[in-house]
Amino acid sequence: DLVSSREAVYTVVDRTEGNPLEGKISDVSPIGMVLIRKKEGQEVEV
């Protein structure tokens, strides 16, 4: 997070597997949709 400097680790999964409590975010969630096809070093806005 570029404001708070907190780091988070997510696994991007299909909507049927999503479970934020386990760090699994769906590819149709706001952050999942933005992250898909992005690369290391890129900044994204969610």
PDB file of all heavy atoms in Angstrom:
ATOM      1  N   ASP A   1       0.871  -1.167   0.000  1.00  0.00           N
ATOM      2  CA  ASP A   1       0.000   0.000   0.000  1.00  0.00           C
ATOM      3  C   ASP A   1       0.913   1.222   0.000  1.00  0.00           C
ATOM      4  O   ASP A   1       1.751   1.384   0.890  1.00  0.00           O
ATOM      5  CB  ASP A   1      -0.888  -0.021   1.246  1.00  0.00           C
ATOM      6  CG  ASP A   1      -1.881   1.114   1.279  1.00  0.00           C
ATOM      7  OD1 ASP A   1      -1.520   2.256   0.943  1.00  0.00           O
ATOM      8  OD2 ASP A   1      -3.031   0.849   1.686  1.00  0.00           O
ATOM      9  N   LEU A   2       0.778   2.082  -0.998  1.00  0.00           N
ATOM     10  CA  LEU A   2       1.696   3.211  -1.152  1.00  0.00           C
ATOM     11  C   LEU A   2       1.450   4.334  -0.145  1.00  0.00           C
ATOM     12  O   LEU A   2       2.294   5.206   0.014  1.00  0.00           O
ATOM     13  CB  LEU A   2       1.644   3.750  -2.579  1.00  0.00           C
ATOM     14  CG  LEU A   2       2.199   2.782  -3.621  1.00  0.00           C
ATOM     15  CD1 LEU A   2       2.008   3.315  -5.026  1.00  0.00           C
ATOM     16  CD2 LEU A   2       3.668   2.474  -3.364  1.00  0.00           C
ATOM     17  N   VAL A   3       0.316   4.314   0.557  1.00  0.00           N
ATOM     18  CA  VAL A   3       0.048   5.326   1.582  1.00  0.00           C
ATOM     19  C   VAL A   3       0.526   4.844   2.953  1.00  0.00           C
ATOM     20  O   VAL A   3       1.271   5.518   3.640  1.00  0.00           O
ATOM     21  CB  VAL A   3      -1.456   5.684   1.628  1.00  0.00           C
ATOM     22  CG1 VAL A   3      -1.767   6.608   2.790  1.00  0.00           C
ATOM     23  CG2 VAL A   3      -1.880   6.314   0.312  1.00  0.00           C
ATOM     24  N   SER A   4       0.106   3.634   3.335  1.00  0.00           N
ATOM     25  CA  SER A   4       0.442   3.122   4.672  1.00  0.00           C
ATOM     26  C   SER A   4       1.749   2.334   4.698  1.00  0.00           C
ATOM     27  O   SER A   4       2.246   2.013   5.779  1.00  0.00           O
ATOM     28  CB  SER A   4      -0.677   2.227   5.182  1.00  0.00           C
ATOM     29  OG  SER A   4      -0.718   1.027   4.431  1.00  0.00           O
ATOM     30  N   SER A   5       2.284   1.981   3.535  1.00  0.00           N
ATOM     31  CA  SER A   5       3.498   1.159   3.393  1.00  0.00           C
ATOM     32  C   SER A   5       3.304  -0.268   3.910  1.00  0.00           C
ATOM     33  O   SER A   5       4.266  -1.006   4.068  1.00  0.00           O
ATOM     34  CB  SER A   5       4.702   1.803   4.085  1.00  0.00           C
ATOM     35  OG  SER A   5       5.016   3.013   3.445  1.00  0.00           O
ATOM     36  N   ARG A   6       2.060  -0.679   4.167  1.00  0.00           N
ATOM     37  CA  ARG A   6       1.801  -2.055   4.597  1.00  0.00           C
ATOM     38  C   ARG A   6       1.845  -2.988   3.393  1.00  0.00           C
ATOM     39  O   ARG A   6       1.379  -2.634   2.307  1.00  0.00           O
ATOM     40  CB  ARG A   6       0.434  -2.173   5.262  1.00  0.00           C
ATOM     41  CG  ARG A   6       0.488  -1.792   6.736  1.00  0.00           C
ATOM     42  CD  ARG A   6      -0.817  -2.084   7.402  1.00  0.00           C
ATOM     43  NE  ARG A   6      -1.664  -0.911   7.149  1.00  0.00           N
ATOM     44  CZ  ARG A   6      -2.945  -0.839   7.382  1.00  0.00           C
ATOM     45  NH1 ARG A   6      -3.583  -1.865   7.880  1.00  0.00           N
ATOM     46  NH2 ARG A   6      -3.618   0.250   7.119  1.00  0.00           N
ATOM     47  N   GLU A   7       2.406  -4.164   3.636  1.00  0.00           N
ATOM     48  CA  GLU A   7       2.457  -5.170   2.580  1.00  0.00           C
ATOM     49  C   GLU A   7       1.406  -6.235   2.846  1.00  0.00           C
ATOM     50  O   GLU A   7       1.089  -6.538   3.991  1.00  0.00           O
ATOM     51  CB  GLU A   7       3.846  -5.822   2.512  1.00  0.00           C
ATOM     52  CG  GLU A   7       4.910  -4.902   1.977  1.00  0.00           C
ATOM     53  CD  GLU A   7       6.240  -5.595   1.754  1.00  0.00           C
ATOM     54  OE1 GLU A   7       6.314  -6.834   1.812  1.00  0.00           O
ATOM     55  OE2 GLU A   7       7.224  -4.878   1.506  1.00  0.00           O
ATOM     56  N   ALA A   8       0.897  -6.804   1.761  1.00  0.00           N
ATOM     57  CA  ALA A   8      -0.069  -7.896   1.845  1.00  0.00           C
ATOM     58  C   ALA A   8       0.281  -8.911   0.770  1.00  0.00           C
ATOM     59  O   ALA A   8       0.814  -8.548  -0.287  1.00  0.00           O
ATOM     60  CB  ALA A   8      -1.480  -7.376   1.641  1.00  0.00           C
ATOM     61  N   VAL A   9      -0.007 -10.161   1.056  1.00  0.00           N
ATOM     62  CA  VAL A   9       0.236 -11.233   0.088  1.00  0.00           C
ATOM     63  C   VAL A   9      -1.112 -11.877  -0.226  1.00  0.00           C
ATOM     64  O   VAL A   9      -1.855 -12.266   0.674  1.00  0.00           O
ATOM     65  CB  VAL A   9       1.212 -12.287   0.653  1.00  0.00           C
ATOM     66  CG1 VAL A   9       1.428 -13.412  -0.360  1.00  0.00           C
ATOM     67  CG2 VAL A   9       2.532 -11.650   1.038  1.00  0.00           C
ATOM     68  N   TYR A  10      -1.425 -11.959  -1.521  1.00  0.00           N
ATOM     69  CA  TYR A  10      -2.671 -12.550  -1.979  1.00  0.00           C
ATOM     70  C   TYR A  10      -2.373 -13.623  -3.009  1.00  0.00           C
ATOM     71  O   TYR A  10      -1.400 -13.537  -3.735  1.00  0.00           O
ATOM     72  CB  TYR A  10      -3.559 -11.501  -2.668  1.00  0.00           C
ATOM     73  CG  TYR A  10      -3.943 -10.334  -1.805  1.00  0.00           C
ATOM     74  CD1 TYR A  10      -3.464  -9.053  -2.077  1.00  0.00           C
ATOM     75  CD2 TYR A  10      -4.804 -10.492  -0.729  1.00  0.00           C
ATOM     76  CE1 TYR A  10      -3.828  -7.971  -1.295  1.00  0.00           C
ATOM     77  CE2 TYR A  10      -5.167  -9.410   0.061  1.00  0.00           C
ATOM     78  CZ  TYR A  10      -4.682  -8.157  -0.228  1.00  0.00           C
ATOM     79  OH  TYR A  10      -5.036  -7.086   0.542  1.00  0.00           O
ATOM     80  N   THR A  11      -3.255 -14.603  -3.080  1.00  0.00           N
ATOM     81  CA  THR A  11      -3.257 -15.552  -4.177  1.00  0.00           C
ATOM     82  C   THR A  11      -4.492 -15.237  -4.997  1.00  0.00           C
ATOM     83  O   THR A  11      -5.601 -15.184  -4.451  1.00  0.00           O
ATOM     84  CB  THR A  11      -3.297 -17.008  -3.668  1.00  0.00           C
ATOM     85  OG1 THR A  11      -2.156 -17.230  -2.833  1.00  0.00           O
ATOM     86  CG2 THR A  11      -3.265 -17.996  -4.826  1.00  0.00           C
ATOM     87  N   VAL A  12      -4.323 -15.001  -6.289  1.00  0.00           N
ATOM     88  CA  VAL A  12      -5.443 -14.665  -7.159  1.00  0.00           C
ATOM     89  C   VAL A  12      -6.054 -15.971  -7.664  1.00  0.00           C
ATOM     90  O   VAL A  12      -5.363 -16.798  -8.271  1.00  0.00           O
ATOM     91  CB  VAL A  12      -4.996 -13.783  -8.348  1.00  0.00           C
ATOM     92  CG1 VAL A  12      -6.189 -13.415  -9.217  1.00  0.00           C
ATOM     93  CG2 VAL A  12      -4.291 -12.529  -7.844  1.00  0.00           C
ATOM     94  N   VAL A  13      -7.345 -16.158  -7.384  1.00  0.00           N
ATOM     95  CA  VAL A  13      -8.032 -17.403  -7.722  1.00  0.00           C
ATOM     96  C   VAL A  13      -9.345 -17.100  -8.436  1.00  0.00           C
ATOM     97  O   VAL A  13      -9.794 -15.955  -8.490  1.00  0.00           O
ATOM     98  CB  VAL A  13      -8.307 -18.246  -6.457  1.00  0.00           C
ATOM     99  CG1 VAL A  13      -7.010 -18.707  -5.808  1.00  0.00           C
ATOM    100  CG2 VAL A  13      -9.160 -17.478  -5.452  1.00  0.00           C
ATOM    101  N   ASP A  14      -9.976 -18.131  -8.976  1.00  0.00           N
ATOM    102  CA  ASP A  14     -11.283 -18.002  -9.598  1.00  0.00           C
ATOM    103  C   ASP A  14     -12.315 -17.653  -8.528  1.00  0.00           C
ATOM    104  O   ASP A  14     -12.119 -17.933  -7.340  1.00  0.00           O
ATOM    105  CB  ASP A  14     -11.662 -19.333 -10.272  1.00  0.00           C
ATOM    106  CG  ASP A  14     -12.938 -19.227 -11.086  1.00  0.00           C
ATOM    107  OD1 ASP A  14     -12.859 -18.763 -12.235  1.00  0.00           O
ATOM    108  OD2 ASP A  14     -14.007 -19.602 -10.564  1.00  0.00           O
ATOM    109  N   ARG A  15     -13.416 -17.072  -8.936  1.00  0.00           N
ATOM    110  CA  ARG A  15     -14.451 -16.631  -8.001  1.00  0.00           C
ATOM    111  C   ARG A  15     -14.943 -17.756  -7.096  1.00  0.00           C
ATOM    112  O   ARG A  15     -15.375 -17.506  -5.989  1.00  0.00           O
ATOM    113  CB  ARG A  15     -15.617 -16.013  -8.773  1.00  0.00           C
ATOM    114  CG  ARG A  15     -16.411 -17.044  -9.543  1.00  0.00           C
ATOM    115  CD  ARG A  15     -17.199 -16.458 -10.685  1.00  0.00           C
ATOM    116  NE  ARG A  15     -17.853 -17.514 -11.444  1.00  0.00           N
ATOM    117  CZ  ARG A  15     -17.246 -18.256 -12.343  1.00  0.00           C
ATOM    118  NH1 ARG A  15     -15.969 -18.074 -12.606  1.00  0.00           N
ATOM    119  NH2 ARG A  15     -17.896 -19.199 -12.991  1.00  0.00           N
ATOM    120  N   THR A  16     -14.880 -19.005  -7.555  1.00  0.00           N
ATOM    121  CA  THR A  16     -15.370 -20.122  -6.745  1.00  0.00           C
ATOM    122  C   THR A  16     -14.427 -20.471  -5.604  1.00  0.00           C
ATOM    123  O   THR A  16     -14.825 -21.140  -4.661  1.00  0.00           O
ATOM    124  CB  THR A  16     -15.569 -21.380  -7.616  1.00  0.00           C
ATOM    125  OG1 THR A  16     -14.322 -21.724  -8.221  1.00  0.00           O
ATOM    126  CG2 THR A  16     -16.621 -21.143  -8.681  1.00  0.00           C
ATOM    127  N   GLU A  17     -13.177 -20.025  -5.668  1.00  0.00           N
ATOM    128  CA  GLU A  17     -12.186 -20.338  -4.643  1.00  0.00           C
ATOM    129  C   GLU A  17     -11.910 -19.183  -3.702  1.00  0.00           C
ATOM    130  O   GLU A  17     -11.193 -19.345  -2.720  1.00  0.00           O
ATOM    131  CB  GLU A  17     -10.847 -20.722  -5.295  1.00  0.00           C
ATOM    132  CG  GLU A  17     -10.823 -22.056  -5.961  1.00  0.00           C
ATOM    133  CD  GLU A  17      -9.426 -22.370  -6.447  1.00  0.00           C
ATOM    134  OE1 GLU A  17      -8.564 -22.708  -5.601  1.00  0.00           O
ATOM    135  OE2 GLU A  17      -9.182 -22.268  -7.650  1.00  0.00           O
ATOM    136  N   GLY A  18     -12.422 -18.003  -4.019  1.00  0.00           N
ATOM    137  CA  GLY A  18     -12.100 -16.812  -3.235  1.00  0.00           C
ATOM    138  C   GLY A  18     -12.401 -16.979  -1.750  1.00  0.00           C
ATOM    139  O   GLY A  18     -13.448 -17.485  -1.374  1.00  0.00           O
ATOM    140  N   ASN A  19     -11.449 -16.575  -0.916  1.00  0.00           N
ATOM    141  CA  ASN A  19     -11.613 -16.593   0.534  1.00  0.00           C
ATOM    142  C   ASN A  19     -10.626 -15.589   1.122  1.00  0.00           C
ATOM    143  O   ASN A  19      -9.483 -15.933   1.415  1.00  0.00           O
ATOM    144  CB  ASN A  19     -11.362 -17.993   1.097  1.00  0.00           C
ATOM    145  CG  ASN A  19     -11.655 -18.073   2.575  1.00  0.00           C
ATOM    146  OD1 ASN A  19     -11.720 -17.065   3.276  1.00  0.00           O
ATOM    147  ND2 ASN A  19     -11.840 -19.283   3.064  1.00  0.00           N
ATOM    148  N   PRO A  20     -11.060 -14.338   1.283  1.00  0.00           N
ATOM    149  CA  PRO A  20     -10.148 -13.293   1.761  1.00  0.00           C
ATOM    150  C   PRO A  20      -9.490 -13.620   3.105  1.00  0.00           C
ATOM    151  O   PRO A  20      -8.366 -13.202   3.346  1.00  0.00           O
ATOM    152  CB  PRO A  20     -11.045 -12.061   1.883  1.00  0.00           C
ATOM    153  CG  PRO A  20     -12.201 -12.333   0.982  1.00  0.00           C
ATOM    154  CD  PRO A  20     -12.385 -13.826   0.988  1.00  0.00           C
ATOM    155  N   LEU A  21     -10.169 -14.364   3.959  1.00  0.00           N
ATOM    156  CA  LEU A  21      -9.584 -14.715   5.258  1.00  0.00           C
ATOM    157  C   LEU A  21      -8.358 -15.610   5.106  1.00  0.00           C
ATOM    158  O   LEU A  21      -7.504 -15.653   5.978  1.00  0.00           O
ATOM    159  CB  LEU A  21     -10.626 -15.390   6.152  1.00  0.00           C
ATOM    160  CG  LEU A  21     -11.821 -14.521   6.531  1.00  0.00           C
ATOM    161  CD1 LEU A  21     -12.836 -15.331   7.336  1.00  0.00           C
ATOM    162  CD2 LEU A  21     -11.388 -13.284   7.290  1.00  0.00           C
ATOM    163  N   GLU A  22      -8.276 -16.325   3.983  1.00  0.00           N
ATOM    164  CA  GLU A  22      -7.120 -17.176   3.700  1.00  0.00           C
ATOM    165  C   GLU A  22      -6.157 -16.504   2.726  1.00  0.00           C
ATOM    166  O   GLU A  22      -5.226 -17.137   2.239  1.00  0.00           O
ATOM    167  CB  GLU A  22      -7.578 -18.519   3.121  1.00  0.00           C
ATOM    168  CG  GLU A  22      -8.359 -19.374   4.080  1.00  0.00           C
ATOM    169  CD  GLU A  22      -8.825 -20.677   3.450  1.00  0.00           C
ATOM    170  OE1 GLU A  22      -8.516 -20.933   2.254  1.00  0.00           O
ATOM    171  OE2 GLU A  22      -9.515 -21.439   4.134  1.00  0.00           O
ATOM    172  N   GLY A  23      -6.400 -15.233   2.406  1.00  0.00           N
ATOM    173  CA  GLY A  23      -5.535 -14.521   1.468  1.00  0.00           C
ATOM    174  C   GLY A  23      -5.793 -14.875   0.018  1.00  0.00           C
ATOM    175  O   GLY A  23      -4.983 -14.583  -0.852  1.00  0.00           O
ATOM    176  N   LYS A  24      -6.939 -15.493  -0.267  1.00  0.00           N
ATOM    177  CA  LYS A  24      -7.292 -15.865  -1.638  1.00  0.00           C
ATOM    178  C   LYS A  24      -8.317 -14.862  -2.142  1.00  0.00           C
ATOM    179  O   LYS A  24      -9.438 -14.801  -1.646  1.00  0.00           O
ATOM    180  CB  LYS A  24      -7.882 -17.276  -1.678  1.00  0.00           C
ATOM    181  CG  LYS A  24      -6.892 -18.341  -1.281  1.00  0.00           C
ATOM    182  CD  LYS A  24      -7.547 -19.706  -1.305  1.00  0.00           C
ATOM    183  CE  LYS A  24      -6.552 -20.770  -0.901  1.00  0.00           C
ATOM    184  NZ  LYS A  24      -7.187 -22.100  -0.879  1.00  0.00           N
ATOM    185  N   ILE A  25      -7.892 -14.058  -3.134  1.00  0.00           N
ATOM    186  CA  ILE A  25      -8.812 -13.066  -3.685  1.00  0.00           C
ATOM    187  C   ILE A  25      -9.269 -13.496  -5.063  1.00  0.00           C
ATOM    188  O   ILE A  25      -8.497 -14.022  -5.857  1.00  0.00           O
ATOM    189  CB  ILE A  25      -8.196 -11.652  -3.712  1.00  0.00           C
ATOM    190  CG1 ILE A  25      -6.904 -11.636  -4.517  1.00  0.00           C
ATOM    191  CG2 ILE A  25      -7.987 -11.128  -2.303  1.00  0.00           C
ATOM    192  CD1 ILE A  25      -6.409 -10.238  -4.818  1.00  0.00           C
ATOM    193  N   SER A  26     -10.518 -13.258  -5.328  1.00  0.00           N
ATOM    194  CA  SER A  26     -11.132 -13.635  -6.585  1.00  0.00           C
ATOM    195  C   SER A  26     -10.678 -12.725  -7.715  1.00  0.00           C
ATOM    196  O   SER A  26     -10.407 -11.543  -7.507  1.00  0.00           O
ATOM    197  CB  SER A  26     -12.651 -13.541  -6.418  1.00  0.00           C
ATOM    198  OG  SER A  26     -13.282 -13.516  -7.658  1.00  0.00           O
ATOM    199  N   ASP A  27     -10.634 -13.294  -8.897  1.00  0.00           N
ATOM    200  CA  ASP A  27     -10.282 -12.506 -10.083  1.00  0.00           C
ATOM    201  C   ASP A  27     -11.379 -11.522 -10.469  1.00  0.00           C
ATOM    202  O   ASP A  27     -11.179 -10.681 -11.334  1.00  0.00           O
ATOM    203  CB  ASP A  27      -9.950 -13.424 -11.266  1.00  0.00           C
ATOM    204  CG  ASP A  27     -11.128 -14.294 -11.691  1.00  0.00           C
ATOM    205  OD1 ASP A  27     -11.992 -14.610 -10.846  1.00  0.00           O
ATOM    206  OD2 ASP A  27     -11.184 -14.680 -12.867  1.00  0.00           O
ATOM    207  N   VAL A  28     -12.541 -11.598  -9.829  1.00  0.00           N
ATOM    208  CA  VAL A  28     -13.616 -10.639 -10.087  1.00  0.00           C
ATOM    209  C   VAL A  28     -13.797  -9.659  -8.933  1.00  0.00           C
ATOM    210  O   VAL A  28     -14.687  -8.825  -8.966  1.00  0.00           O
ATOM    211  CB  VAL A  28     -14.959 -11.339 -10.435  1.00  0.00           C
ATOM    212  CG1 VAL A  28     -14.841 -12.094 -11.741  1.00  0.00           C
ATOM    213  CG2 VAL A  28     -15.426 -12.242  -9.316  1.00  0.00           C
ATOM    214  N   SER A  29     -12.939  -9.765  -7.898  1.00  0.00           N
ATOM    215  CA  SER A  29     -12.962  -8.790  -6.805  1.00  0.00           C
ATOM    216  C   SER A  29     -12.297  -7.507  -7.298  1.00  0.00           C
ATOM    217  O   SER A  29     -11.554  -7.529  -8.288  1.00  0.00           O
ATOM    218  CB  SER A  29     -12.202  -9.338  -5.592  1.00  0.00           C
ATOM    219  OG  SER A  29     -10.816  -9.411  -5.880  1.00  0.00           O
ATOM    220  N   PRO A  30     -12.534  -6.376  -6.633  1.00  0.00           N
ATOM    221  CA  PRO A  30     -11.923  -5.128  -7.105  1.00  0.00           C
ATOM    222  C   PRO A  30     -10.401  -5.222  -7.264  1.00  0.00           C
ATOM    223  O   PRO A  30      -9.861  -4.847  -8.308  1.00  0.00           O
ATOM    224  CB  PRO A  30     -12.311  -4.109  -6.029  1.00  0.00           C
ATOM    225  CG  PRO A  30     -13.589  -4.641  -5.469  1.00  0.00           C
ATOM    226  CD  PRO A  30     -13.441  -6.134  -5.501  1.00  0.00           C
ATOM    227  N   ILE A  31      -9.710  -5.743  -6.267  1.00  0.00           N
ATOM    228  CA  ILE A  31      -8.242  -5.817  -6.374  1.00  0.00           C
ATOM    229  C   ILE A  31      -7.811  -6.914  -7.346  1.00  0.00           C
ATOM    230  O   ILE A  31      -6.858  -6.741  -8.100  1.00  0.00           O
ATOM    231  CB  ILE A  31      -7.566  -5.971  -5.002  1.00  0.00           C
ATOM    232  CG1 ILE A  31      -6.058  -5.757  -5.146  1.00  0.00           C
ATOM    233  CG2 ILE A  31      -7.887  -7.283  -4.355  1.00  0.00           C
ATOM    234  CD1 ILE A  31      -5.326  -5.570  -3.846  1.00  0.00           C
ATOM    235  N   GLY A  32      -8.534  -8.028  -7.369  1.00  0.00           N
ATOM    236  CA  GLY A  32      -8.194  -9.118  -8.279  1.00  0.00           C
ATOM    237  C   GLY A  32      -8.291  -8.704  -9.736  1.00  0.00           C
ATOM    238  O   GLY A  32      -7.414  -9.008 -10.542  1.00  0.00           O
ATOM    239  N   MET A  33      -9.368  -7.975 -10.085  1.00  0.00           N
ATOM    240  CA  MET A  33      -9.541  -7.527 -11.478  1.00  0.00           C
ATOM    241  C   MET A  33      -8.413  -6.598 -11.908  1.00  0.00           C
ATOM    242  O   MET A  33      -7.944  -6.657 -13.037  1.00  0.00           O
ATOM    243  CB  MET A  33     -10.878  -6.797 -11.642  1.00  0.00           C
ATOM    244  CG  MET A  33     -12.059  -7.729 -11.668  1.00  0.00           C
ATOM    245  SD  MET A  33     -13.601  -6.944 -12.219  1.00  0.00           S
ATOM    246  CE  MET A  33     -13.813  -5.613 -11.076  1.00  0.00           C
ATOM    247  N   VAL A  34      -7.966  -5.740 -10.985  1.00  0.00           N
ATOM    248  CA  VAL A  34      -6.912  -4.778 -11.319  1.00  0.00           C
ATOM    249  C   VAL A  34      -5.554  -5.472 -11.442  1.00  0.00           C
ATOM    250  O   VAL A  34      -4.744  -5.114 -12.293  1.00  0.00           O
ATOM    251  CB  VAL A  34      -6.872  -3.650 -10.264  1.00  0.00           C
ATOM    252  CG1 VAL A  34      -5.650  -2.783 -10.432  1.00  0.00           C
ATOM    253  CG2 VAL A  34      -8.134  -2.803 -10.351  1.00  0.00           C
ATOM    254  N   LEU A  35      -5.308  -6.485 -10.611  1.00  0.00           N
ATOM    255  CA  LEU A  35      -3.999  -7.153 -10.612  1.00  0.00           C
ATOM    256  C   LEU A  35      -3.772  -8.063 -11.815  1.00  0.00           C
ATOM    257  O   LEU A  35      -2.634  -8.214 -12.283  1.00  0.00           O
ATOM    258  CB  LEU A  35      -3.809  -7.959  -9.329  1.00  0.00           C
ATOM    259  CG  LEU A  35      -3.600  -7.156  -8.049  1.00  0.00           C
ATOM    260  CD1 LEU A  35      -3.564  -8.082  -6.845  1.00  0.00           C
ATOM    261  CD2 LEU A  35      -2.346  -6.312  -8.135  1.00  0.00           C
ATOM    262  N   ILE A  36      -4.841  -8.700 -12.333  1.00  0.00           N
ATOM    263  CA  ILE A  36      -4.689  -9.645 -13.443  1.00  0.00           C
ATOM    264  C   ILE A  36      -3.947  -8.982 -14.609  1.00  0.00           C
ATOM    265  O   ILE A  36      -4.258  -7.875 -15.007  1.00  0.00           O
ATOM    266  CB  ILE A  36      -6.064 -10.184 -13.899  1.00  0.00           C
ATOM    267  CG1 ILE A  36      -6.660 -11.108 -12.840  1.00  0.00           C
ATOM    268  CG2 ILE A  36      -5.984 -10.896 -15.241  1.00  0.00           C
ATOM    269  CD1 ILE A  36      -5.991 -12.457 -12.699  1.00  0.00           C
ATOM    270  N   ARG A  37      -2.941  -9.689 -15.112  1.00  0.00           N
ATOM    271  CA  ARG A  37      -2.100  -9.299 -16.259  1.00  0.00           C
ATOM    272  C   ARG A  37      -1.127  -8.152 -15.963  1.00  0.00           C
ATOM    273  O   ARG A  37      -0.478  -7.652 -16.868  1.00  0.00           O
ATOM    274  CB  ARG A  37      -2.942  -8.970 -17.487  1.00  0.00           C
ATOM    275  CG  ARG A  37      -3.690 -10.158 -18.035  1.00  0.00           C
ATOM    276  CD  ARG A  37      -4.287  -9.850 -19.399  1.00  0.00           C
ATOM    277  NE  ARG A  37      -5.102 -10.943 -19.865  1.00  0.00           N
ATOM    278  CZ  ARG A  37      -6.424 -10.998 -19.760  1.00  0.00           C
ATOM    279  NH1 ARG A  37      -7.091 -10.008 -19.227  1.00  0.00           N
ATOM    280  NH2 ARG A  37      -7.083 -12.044 -20.207  1.00  0.00           N
ATOM    281  N   LYS A  38      -1.029  -7.733 -14.714  1.00  0.00           N
ATOM    282  CA  LYS A  38      -0.054  -6.694 -14.362  1.00  0.00           C
ATOM    283  C   LYS A  38       1.271  -7.382 -14.026  1.00  0.00           C
ATOM    284  O   LYS A  38       1.339  -8.583 -13.821  1.00  0.00           O
ATOM    285  CB  LYS A  38      -0.541  -5.865 -13.169  1.00  0.00           C
ATOM    286  CG  LYS A  38      -1.838  -5.113 -13.410  1.00  0.00           C
ATOM    287  CD  LYS A  38      -1.714  -4.115 -14.535  1.00  0.00           C
ATOM    288  CE  LYS A  38      -2.908  -3.206 -14.678  1.00  0.00           C
ATOM    289  NZ  LYS A  38      -4.118  -3.784 -15.209  1.00  0.00           N
ATOM    290  N   LYS A  39       2.343  -6.563 -13.975  1.00  0.00           N
ATOM    291  CA  LYS A  39       3.685  -7.117 -13.764  1.00  0.00           C
ATOM    292  C   LYS A  39       4.304  -6.585 -12.485  1.00  0.00           C
ATOM    293  O   LYS A  39       3.890  -5.537 -11.974  1.00  0.00           O
ATOM    294  CB  LYS A  39       4.596  -6.730 -14.943  1.00  0.00           C
ATOM    295  CG  LYS A  39       4.143  -7.289 -16.264  1.00  0.00           C
ATOM    296  CD  LYS A  39       5.031  -6.812 -17.380  1.00  0.00           C
ATOM    297  CE  LYS A  39       4.519  -7.317 -18.716  1.00  0.00           C
ATOM    298  NZ  LYS A  39       5.292  -6.794 -19.827  1.00  0.00           N
ATOM    299  N   GLU A  40       5.324  -7.310 -12.021  1.00  0.00           N
ATOM    300  CA  GLU A  40       6.111  -6.839 -10.877  1.00  0.00           C
ATOM    301  C   GLU A  40       6.596  -5.429 -11.168  1.00  0.00           C
ATOM    302  O   GLU A  40       7.004  -5.124 -12.286  1.00  0.00           O
ATOM    303  CB  GLU A  40       7.326  -7.745 -10.635  1.00  0.00           C
ATOM    304  CG  GLU A  40       6.996  -9.050  -9.982  1.00  0.00           C
ATOM    305  CD  GLU A  40       8.234  -9.909  -9.753  1.00  0.00           C
ATOM    306  OE1 GLU A  40       9.373  -9.420  -9.907  1.00  0.00           O
ATOM    307  OE2 GLU A  40       8.050 -11.087  -9.415  1.00  0.00           O
ATOM    308  N   GLY A  41       6.560  -4.568 -10.159  1.00  0.00           N
ATOM    309  CA  GLY A  41       7.046  -3.208 -10.309  1.00  0.00           C
ATOM    310  C   GLY A  41       5.985  -2.217 -10.762  1.00  0.00           C
ATOM    311  O   GLY A  41       6.197  -1.012 -10.676  1.00  0.00           O
ATOM    312  N   GLN A  42       4.849  -2.711 -11.231  1.00  0.00           N
ATOM    313  CA  GLN A  42       3.789  -1.804 -11.670  1.00  0.00           C
ATOM    314  C   GLN A  42       3.008  -1.271 -10.476  1.00  0.00           C
ATOM    315  O   GLN A  42       2.842  -1.962  -9.470  1.00  0.00           O
ATOM    316  CB  GLN A  42       2.805  -2.508 -12.616  1.00  0.00           C
ATOM    317  CG  GLN A  42       3.228  -2.513 -14.054  1.00  0.00           C
ATOM    318  CD  GLN A  42       2.096  -3.016 -14.946  1.00  0.00           C
ATOM    319  OE1 GLN A  42       1.829  -4.211 -14.966  1.00  0.00           O
ATOM    320  NE2 GLN A  42       1.464  -2.112 -15.673  1.00  0.00           N
ATOM    321  N   GLU A  43       2.527  -0.034 -10.617  1.00  0.00           N
ATOM    322  CA  GLU A  43       1.619   0.535  -9.634  1.00  0.00           C
ATOM    323  C   GLU A  43       0.211   0.391 -10.174  1.00  0.00           C
ATOM    324  O   GLU A  43      -0.023   0.550 -11.371  1.00  0.00           O
ATOM    325  CB  GLU A  43       1.922   2.023  -9.398  1.00  0.00           C
ATOM    326  CG  GLU A  43       3.190   2.266  -8.625  1.00  0.00           C
ATOM    327  CD  GLU A  43       3.409   3.747  -8.309  1.00  0.00           C
ATOM    328  OE1 GLU A  43       2.437   4.537  -8.364  1.00  0.00           O
ATOM    329  OE2 GLU A  43       4.549   4.096  -8.008  1.00  0.00           O
ATOM    330  N   VAL A  44      -0.731   0.085  -9.274  1.00  0.00           N
ATOM    331  CA  VAL A  44      -2.132  -0.047  -9.669  1.00  0.00           C
ATOM    332  C   VAL A  44      -2.994   0.746  -8.703  1.00  0.00           C
ATOM    333  O   VAL A  44      -2.618   0.955  -7.542  1.00  0.00           O
ATOM    334  CB  VAL A  44      -2.590  -1.526  -9.685  1.00  0.00           C
ATOM    335  CG1 VAL A  44      -1.871  -2.305 -10.774  1.00  0.00           C
ATOM    336  CG2 VAL A  44      -2.409  -2.189  -8.342  1.00  0.00           C
ATOM    337  N   GLU A  45      -4.140   1.187  -9.186  1.00  0.00           N
ATOM    338  CA  GLU A  45      -5.087   1.893  -8.336  1.00  0.00           C
ATOM    339  C   GLU A  45      -6.351   1.053  -8.271  1.00  0.00           C
ATOM    340  O   GLU A  45      -6.882   0.633  -9.303  1.00  0.00           O
ATOM    341  CB  GLU A  45      -5.397   3.273  -8.928  1.00  0.00           C
ATOM    342  CG  GLU A  45      -6.267   4.113  -8.020  1.00  0.00           C
ATOM    343  CD  GLU A  45      -6.400   5.537  -8.538  1.00  0.00           C
ATOM    344  OE1 GLU A  45      -7.318   5.760  -9.348  1.00  0.00           O
ATOM    345  OE2 GLU A  45      -5.581   6.387  -8.139  1.00  0.00           O
ATOM    346  N   VAL A  46      -6.818   0.809  -7.051  1.00  0.00           N
ATOM    347  CA  VAL A  46      -7.974  -0.048  -6.831  1.00  0.00           C
ATOM    348  C   VAL A  46      -9.088   0.762  -6.185  1.00  0.00           C
ATOM    349  O   VAL A  46      -8.855   1.432  -5.174  1.00  0.00           O
ATOM    350  CB  VAL A  46      -7.609  -1.240  -5.906  1.00  0.00           C
ATOM    351  CG1 VAL A  46      -8.816  -2.125  -5.670  1.00  0.00           C
ATOM    352  CG2 VAL A  46      -6.458  -2.038  -6.478  1.00  0.00           C
TER     353      VAL A  46
END
